[in-house]
């Protein structure tokens, strides 16, 4: 039986299974929001990708190895989960390079969402059930998952900073006015 401290002060949300289930609900909500969105689809897609990247990385680092160690016969299910994550990552990479104006943008996100929902259904039915009935310390694993997610989130923020720094800085305010005035003078003089 999975280890949950008796009479523990540890909140239920620190249980790894519940933490992962909450992540699943969050992305499913984003998928539903995308279906009804008219104009802010890029924001929804970006948020879903960010959530999925962090979730998958932490899950692969903490949850899958723990389940595999506790349940030797889990290898086929764990391997399938890794492959489902791989397909999701490929689709996310393509979505990052697309604009919402691309005729296949909605279709690609919908296909990714359908794959993720299928993955969630299998994972919750099989791996979560096994984790609850195994010999895992679900609270300790929850703490490790949260730490991994914090670490991956920090890496993600750092990567975004690097991408922004590579972009050519824009000229704003007074500097923009000076630059425009110089260009106007040059054109007038010519």
C-alpha atoms as a PDB file:
ATOM      1  CA  UNK A   1       0.000   0.000   0.000  1.00  0.00           C
ATOM      2  CA  UNK A   2       1.261   3.476  -0.839  1.00  0.00           C
ATOM      3  CA  UNK A   3       2.624   5.334   2.124  1.00  0.00           C
ATOM      4  CA  UNK A   4       0.604   8.324   3.228  1.00  0.00           C
ATOM      5  CA  UNK A   5       1.520   9.510   6.711  1.00  0.00           C
ATOM      6  CA  UNK A   6      -1.227   8.721   9.216  1.00  0.00           C
ATOM      7  CA  UNK A   7      -2.562  11.876  10.823  1.00  0.00           C
ATOM      8  CA  UNK A   8       0.050  13.832   8.912  1.00  0.00           C
ATOM      9  CA  UNK A   9       0.033  17.569   8.658  1.00  0.00           C
ATOM     10  CA  UNK A  10       1.168  17.182   5.052  1.00  0.00           C
ATOM     11  CA  UNK A  11      -1.509  18.649   2.797  1.00  0.00           C
ATOM     12  CA  UNK A  12      -3.221  16.275   0.361  1.00  0.00           C
ATOM     13  CA  UNK A  13      -1.991  18.374  -2.552  1.00  0.00           C
ATOM     14  CA  UNK A  14       1.574  17.273  -1.754  1.00  0.00           C
ATOM     15  CA  UNK A  15       0.651  13.705  -2.702  1.00  0.00           C
ATOM     16  CA  UNK A  16       2.327  13.160  -6.107  1.00  0.00           C
ATOM     17  CA  UNK A  17      -0.757  11.569  -7.618  1.00  0.00           C
ATOM     18  CA  UNK A  18      -2.922  14.531  -6.635  1.00  0.00           C
ATOM     19  CA  UNK A  19      -0.328  17.025  -7.845  1.00  0.00           C
ATOM     20  CA  UNK A  20      -0.138  15.317 -11.236  1.00  0.00           C
ATOM     21  CA  UNK A  21      -3.941  15.084 -11.428  1.00  0.00           C
ATOM     22  CA  UNK A  22      -4.185  18.844 -10.779  1.00  0.00           C
ATOM     23  CA  UNK A  23      -1.721  19.465 -13.616  1.00  0.00           C
ATOM     24  CA  UNK A  24      -3.873  17.283 -15.856  1.00  0.00           C
ATOM     25  CA  UNK A  25      -6.991  19.267 -14.956  1.00  0.00           C
ATOM     26  CA  UNK A  26      -5.189  22.539 -15.631  1.00  0.00           C
ATOM     27  CA  UNK A  27      -4.180  21.552 -19.178  1.00  0.00           C
ATOM     28  CA  UNK A  28      -7.589  20.048 -19.934  1.00  0.00           C
ATOM     29  CA  UNK A  29      -9.096  23.388 -18.909  1.00  0.00           C
ATOM     30  CA  UNK A  30      -6.730  25.140 -21.334  1.00  0.00           C
ATOM     31  CA  UNK A  31      -7.793  22.726 -24.084  1.00  0.00           C
ATOM     32  CA  UNK A  32     -11.462  23.586 -23.437  1.00  0.00           C
ATOM     33  CA  UNK A  33     -10.625  27.300 -23.377  1.00  0.00           C
ATOM     34  CA  UNK A  34      -8.875  26.963 -26.753  1.00  0.00           C
ATOM     35  CA  UNK A  35     -11.982  25.364 -28.289  1.00  0.00           C
ATOM     36  CA  UNK A  36     -14.109  28.389 -27.416  1.00  0.00           C
ATOM     37  CA  UNK A  37     -11.464  31.078 -27.955  1.00  0.00           C
ATOM     38  CA  UNK A  38     -11.721  33.481 -30.823  1.00  0.00           C
ATOM     39  CA  UNK A  39      -8.800  35.831 -30.532  1.00  0.00           C
ATOM     40  CA  UNK A  40      -6.248  34.894 -27.876  1.00  0.00           C
ATOM     41  CA  UNK A  41      -5.364  31.380 -29.020  1.00  0.00           C
ATOM     42  CA  UNK A  42      -1.627  32.049 -29.113  1.00  0.00           C
ATOM     43  CA  UNK A  43      -1.661  32.901 -25.407  1.00  0.00           C
ATOM     44  CA  UNK A  44      -3.581  29.729 -24.570  1.00  0.00           C
ATOM     45  CA  UNK A  45      -1.228  27.611 -26.668  1.00  0.00           C
ATOM     46  CA  UNK A  46       1.840  29.217 -25.068  1.00  0.00           C
ATOM     47  CA  UNK A  47       0.462  28.630 -21.594  1.00  0.00           C
ATOM     48  CA  UNK A  48      -0.473  25.009 -22.395  1.00  0.00           C
ATOM     49  CA  UNK A  49       2.989  24.339 -23.830  1.00  0.00           C
ATOM     50  CA  UNK A  50       4.683  25.830 -20.790  1.00  0.00           C
ATOM     51  CA  UNK A  51       2.536  23.766 -18.411  1.00  0.00           C
ATOM     52  CA  UNK A  52       3.080  20.571 -20.409  1.00  0.00           C
ATOM     53  CA  UNK A  53       6.840  21.055 -20.703  1.00  0.00           C
ATOM     54  CA  UNK A  54       7.282  21.459 -16.955  1.00  0.00           C
ATOM     55  CA  UNK A  55       4.816  18.673 -16.119  1.00  0.00           C
ATOM     56  CA  UNK A  56       6.379  16.158 -18.512  1.00  0.00           C
ATOM     57  CA  UNK A  57       9.947  16.915 -17.433  1.00  0.00           C
ATOM     58  CA  UNK A  58       9.126  16.552 -13.721  1.00  0.00           C
ATOM     59  CA  UNK A  59       7.015  13.464 -14.314  1.00  0.00           C
ATOM     60  CA  UNK A  60       9.833  11.824 -16.296  1.00  0.00           C
ATOM     61  CA  UNK A  61      12.389  12.706 -13.621  1.00  0.00           C
ATOM     62  CA  UNK A  62      10.399  11.738 -10.508  1.00  0.00           C
ATOM     63  CA  UNK A  63       7.179   9.788 -11.094  1.00  0.00           C
ATOM     64  CA  UNK A  64       8.054   7.320 -13.835  1.00  0.00           C
ATOM     65  CA  UNK A  65      11.306   6.092 -12.237  1.00  0.00           C
ATOM     66  CA  UNK A  66       9.558   5.653  -8.866  1.00  0.00           C
ATOM     67  CA  UNK A  67       6.688   3.645 -10.362  1.00  0.00           C
ATOM     68  CA  UNK A  68       9.131   1.534 -12.364  1.00  0.00           C
ATOM     69  CA  UNK A  69      11.224   0.815  -9.279  1.00  0.00           C
ATOM     70  CA  UNK A  70       8.127  -0.163  -7.281  1.00  0.00           C
ATOM     71  CA  UNK A  71       6.464  -2.133 -10.072  1.00  0.00           C
ATOM     72  CA  UNK A  72       8.888  -4.020 -12.305  1.00  0.00           C
ATOM     73  CA  UNK A  73       6.118  -4.934 -14.771  1.00  0.00           C
ATOM     74  CA  UNK A  74       5.477  -1.240 -15.421  1.00  0.00           C
ATOM     75  CA  UNK A  75       8.164  -1.008 -18.121  1.00  0.00           C
ATOM     76  CA  UNK A  76       5.761  -1.326 -21.102  1.00  0.00           C
ATOM     77  CA  UNK A  77       3.429   1.331 -19.654  1.00  0.00           C
ATOM     78  CA  UNK A  78       6.307   3.648 -18.759  1.00  0.00           C
ATOM     79  CA  UNK A  79       7.853   3.240 -22.216  1.00  0.00           C
ATOM     80  CA  UNK A  80       4.502   4.066 -23.814  1.00  0.00           C
ATOM     81  CA  UNK A  81       4.222   7.153 -21.606  1.00  0.00           C
ATOM     82  CA  UNK A  82       7.683   8.321 -22.680  1.00  0.00           C
ATOM     83  CA  UNK A  83       6.686   7.859 -26.345  1.00  0.00           C
ATOM     84  CA  UNK A  84       3.457   9.785 -25.820  1.00  0.00           C
ATOM     85  CA  UNK A  85       5.496  12.589 -24.267  1.00  0.00           C
ATOM     86  CA  UNK A  86       7.867  12.437 -27.245  1.00  0.00           C
ATOM     87  CA  UNK A  87       4.998  12.901 -29.730  1.00  0.00           C
ATOM     88  CA  UNK A  88       3.603  15.739 -27.611  1.00  0.00           C
ATOM     89  CA  UNK A  89       7.007  17.466 -27.593  1.00  0.00           C
ATOM     90  CA  UNK A  90       7.275  17.201 -31.375  1.00  0.00           C
ATOM     91  CA  UNK A  91       3.852  18.808 -31.809  1.00  0.00           C
ATOM     92  CA  UNK A  92       4.687  21.518 -29.255  1.00  0.00           C
ATOM     93  CA  UNK A  93       7.891  22.316 -31.125  1.00  0.00           C
ATOM     94  CA  UNK A  94       5.943  22.724 -34.354  1.00  0.00           C
ATOM     95  CA  UNK A  95       3.303  24.864 -32.634  1.00  0.00           C
ATOM     96  CA  UNK A  96       5.993  27.184 -31.247  1.00  0.00           C
ATOM     97  CA  UNK A  97       7.059  27.952 -34.822  1.00  0.00           C
ATOM     98  CA  UNK A  98       3.521  28.582 -36.063  1.00  0.00           C
ATOM     99  CA  UNK A  99       1.222  31.562 -36.012  1.00  0.00           C
ATOM    100  CA  UNK A 100      -2.466  31.329 -35.111  1.00  0.00           C
ATOM    101  CA  UNK A 101      -3.050  32.551 -38.665  1.00  0.00           C
ATOM    102  CA  UNK A 102      -1.537  29.353 -40.080  1.00  0.00           C
ATOM    103  CA  UNK A 103      -4.332  27.247 -41.535  1.00  0.00           C
ATOM    104  CA  UNK A 104      -3.116  24.155 -39.634  1.00  0.00           C
ATOM    105  CA  UNK A 105      -2.520  25.847 -36.256  1.00  0.00           C
ATOM    106  CA  UNK A 106      -5.910  24.929 -34.749  1.00  0.00           C
ATOM    107  CA  UNK A 107      -5.762  21.409 -36.163  1.00  0.00           C
ATOM    108  CA  UNK A 108      -2.264  20.797 -34.800  1.00  0.00           C
ATOM    109  CA  UNK A 109      -3.192  22.033 -31.334  1.00  0.00           C
ATOM    110  CA  UNK A 110      -6.373  19.945 -31.388  1.00  0.00           C
ATOM    111  CA  UNK A 111      -4.416  16.814 -32.344  1.00  0.00           C
ATOM    112  CA  UNK A 112      -1.924  17.500 -29.565  1.00  0.00           C
ATOM    113  CA  UNK A 113      -4.771  18.021 -27.076  1.00  0.00           C
ATOM    114  CA  UNK A 114      -6.424  14.753 -28.134  1.00  0.00           C
ATOM    115  CA  UNK A 115      -3.139  12.878 -27.700  1.00  0.00           C
ATOM    116  CA  UNK A 116      -2.558  14.441 -24.280  1.00  0.00           C
ATOM    117  CA  UNK A 117      -6.106  13.633 -23.138  1.00  0.00           C
ATOM    118  CA  UNK A 118      -5.616  10.004 -24.241  1.00  0.00           C
ATOM    119  CA  UNK A 119      -2.313   9.900 -22.343  1.00  0.00           C
ATOM    120  CA  UNK A 120      -3.944  11.368 -19.227  1.00  0.00           C
ATOM    121  CA  UNK A 121      -6.762   8.826 -19.307  1.00  0.00           C
ATOM    122  CA  UNK A 122      -4.346   5.879 -19.525  1.00  0.00           C
ATOM    123  CA  UNK A 123      -1.932   7.305 -16.981  1.00  0.00           C
ATOM    124  CA  UNK A 124      -4.615   8.008 -14.392  1.00  0.00           C
ATOM    125  CA  UNK A 125      -6.256   4.614 -14.848  1.00  0.00           C
ATOM    126  CA  UNK A 126      -3.086   2.550 -14.798  1.00  0.00           C
ATOM    127  CA  UNK A 127      -0.048   4.329 -13.362  1.00  0.00           C
ATOM    128  CA  UNK A 128      -1.863   6.424 -10.766  1.00  0.00           C
ATOM    129  CA  UNK A 129      -3.789   3.379  -9.587  1.00  0.00           C
ATOM    130  CA  UNK A 130      -0.555   1.412  -9.310  1.00  0.00           C
ATOM    131  CA  UNK A 131       1.170   4.232  -7.423  1.00  0.00           C
ATOM    132  CA  UNK A 132      -1.684   4.342  -4.891  1.00  0.00           C
ATOM    133  CA  UNK A 133      -1.573   0.595  -4.242  1.00  0.00           C
ATOM    134  CA  UNK A 134       2.196   0.182  -4.317  1.00  0.00           C
ATOM    135  CA  UNK A 135       4.847   0.874  -1.718  1.00  0.00           C
ATOM    136  CA  UNK A 136       5.659   4.438  -2.685  1.00  0.00           C
ATOM    137  CA  UNK A 137       5.827   7.371  -0.290  1.00  0.00           C
ATOM    138  CA  UNK A 138       3.449   9.580  -2.268  1.00  0.00           C
ATOM    139  CA  UNK A 139       4.000  12.657  -0.102  1.00  0.00           C
ATOM    140  CA  UNK A 140       7.793  12.466  -0.337  1.00  0.00           C
ATOM    141  CA  UNK A 141       7.486  11.962  -4.097  1.00  0.00           C
ATOM    142  CA  UNK A 142       5.137  14.957  -4.205  1.00  0.00           C
ATOM    143  CA  UNK A 143       7.783  17.086  -2.550  1.00  0.00           C
ATOM    144  CA  UNK A 144      10.399  15.871  -5.028  1.00  0.00           C
ATOM    145  CA  UNK A 145       8.014  16.574  -7.921  1.00  0.00           C
ATOM    146  CA  UNK A 146       7.418  20.134  -6.693  1.00  0.00           C
ATOM    147  CA  UNK A 147      11.157  20.736  -6.424  1.00  0.00           C
ATOM    148  CA  UNK A 148      11.706  19.364  -9.941  1.00  0.00           C
ATOM    149  CA  UNK A 149       8.911  21.586 -11.286  1.00  0.00           C
ATOM    150  CA  UNK A 150      10.424  24.660  -9.587  1.00  0.00           C
ATOM    151  CA  UNK A 151      13.793  23.813 -11.120  1.00  0.00           C
ATOM    152  CA  UNK A 152      12.356  23.284 -14.617  1.00  0.00           C
ATOM    153  CA  UNK A 153      10.296  26.471 -14.309  1.00  0.00           C
ATOM    154  CA  UNK A 154      13.433  28.441 -13.404  1.00  0.00           C
ATOM    155  CA  UNK A 155      15.243  26.920 -16.406  1.00  0.00           C
ATOM    156  CA  UNK A 156      12.299  27.831 -18.622  1.00  0.00           C
ATOM    157  CA  UNK A 157      12.374  31.455 -17.403  1.00  0.00           C
ATOM    158  CA  UNK A 158      16.129  31.637 -17.984  1.00  0.00           C
ATOM    159  CA  UNK A 159      15.715  30.271 -21.511  1.00  0.00           C
ATOM    160  CA  UNK A 160      13.045  32.884 -22.268  1.00  0.00           C
ATOM    161  CA  UNK A 161      15.409  35.609 -21.057  1.00  0.00           C
ATOM    162  CA  UNK A 162      18.103  34.342 -23.419  1.00  0.00           C
ATOM    163  CA  UNK A 163      15.680  34.334 -26.340  1.00  0.00           C
ATOM    164  CA  UNK A 164      14.586  37.892 -25.550  1.00  0.00           C
ATOM    165  CA  UNK A 165      18.203  39.029 -25.223  1.00  0.00           C
ATOM    166  CA  UNK A 166      18.994  37.658 -28.701  1.00  0.00           C
ATOM    167  CA  UNK A 167      16.208  39.723 -30.230  1.00  0.00           C
ATOM    168  CA  UNK A 168      17.221  43.085 -31.609  1.00  0.00           C
ATOM    169  CA  UNK A 169      16.316  45.741 -29.048  1.00  0.00           C
ATOM    170  CA  UNK A 170      13.628  48.155 -30.128  1.00  0.00           C
ATOM    171  CA  UNK A 171      14.059  51.899 -29.956  1.00  0.00           C
ATOM    172  CA  UNK A 172      11.518  53.592 -27.725  1.00  0.00           C
ATOM    173  CA  UNK A 173      10.537  57.002 -26.416  1.00  0.00           C
ATOM    174  CA  UNK A 174      12.935  59.938 -26.848  1.00  0.00           C
ATOM    175  CA  UNK A 175      15.524  57.819 -28.640  1.00  0.00           C
ATOM    176  CA  UNK A 176      12.887  56.866 -31.203  1.00  0.00           C
ATOM    177  CA  UNK A 177      11.984  60.518 -31.741  1.00  0.00           C
ATOM    178  CA  UNK A 178      15.655  61.468 -32.249  1.00  0.00           C
ATOM    179  CA  UNK A 179      16.205  58.632 -34.689  1.00  0.00           C
ATOM    180  CA  UNK A 180      13.069  59.559 -36.628  1.00  0.00           C
ATOM    181  CA  UNK A 181      14.091  63.237 -36.721  1.00  0.00           C
ATOM    182  CA  UNK A 182      17.547  62.309 -38.095  1.00  0.00           C
ATOM    183  CA  UNK A 183      16.027  60.109 -40.791  1.00  0.00           C
ATOM    184  CA  UNK A 184      13.567  62.868 -41.723  1.00  0.00           C
ATOM    185  CA  UNK A 185      16.445  65.429 -41.978  1.00  0.00           C
ATOM    186  CA  UNK A 186      18.453  63.110 -44.210  1.00  0.00           C
ATOM    187  CA  UNK A 187      15.488  62.535 -46.477  1.00  0.00           C
ATOM    188  CA  UNK A 188      14.734  66.265 -46.652  1.00  0.00           C
ATOM    189  CA  UNK A 189      18.354  67.093 -47.473  1.00  0.00           C
ATOM    190  CA  UNK A 190      18.482  64.520 -50.265  1.00  0.00           C
END
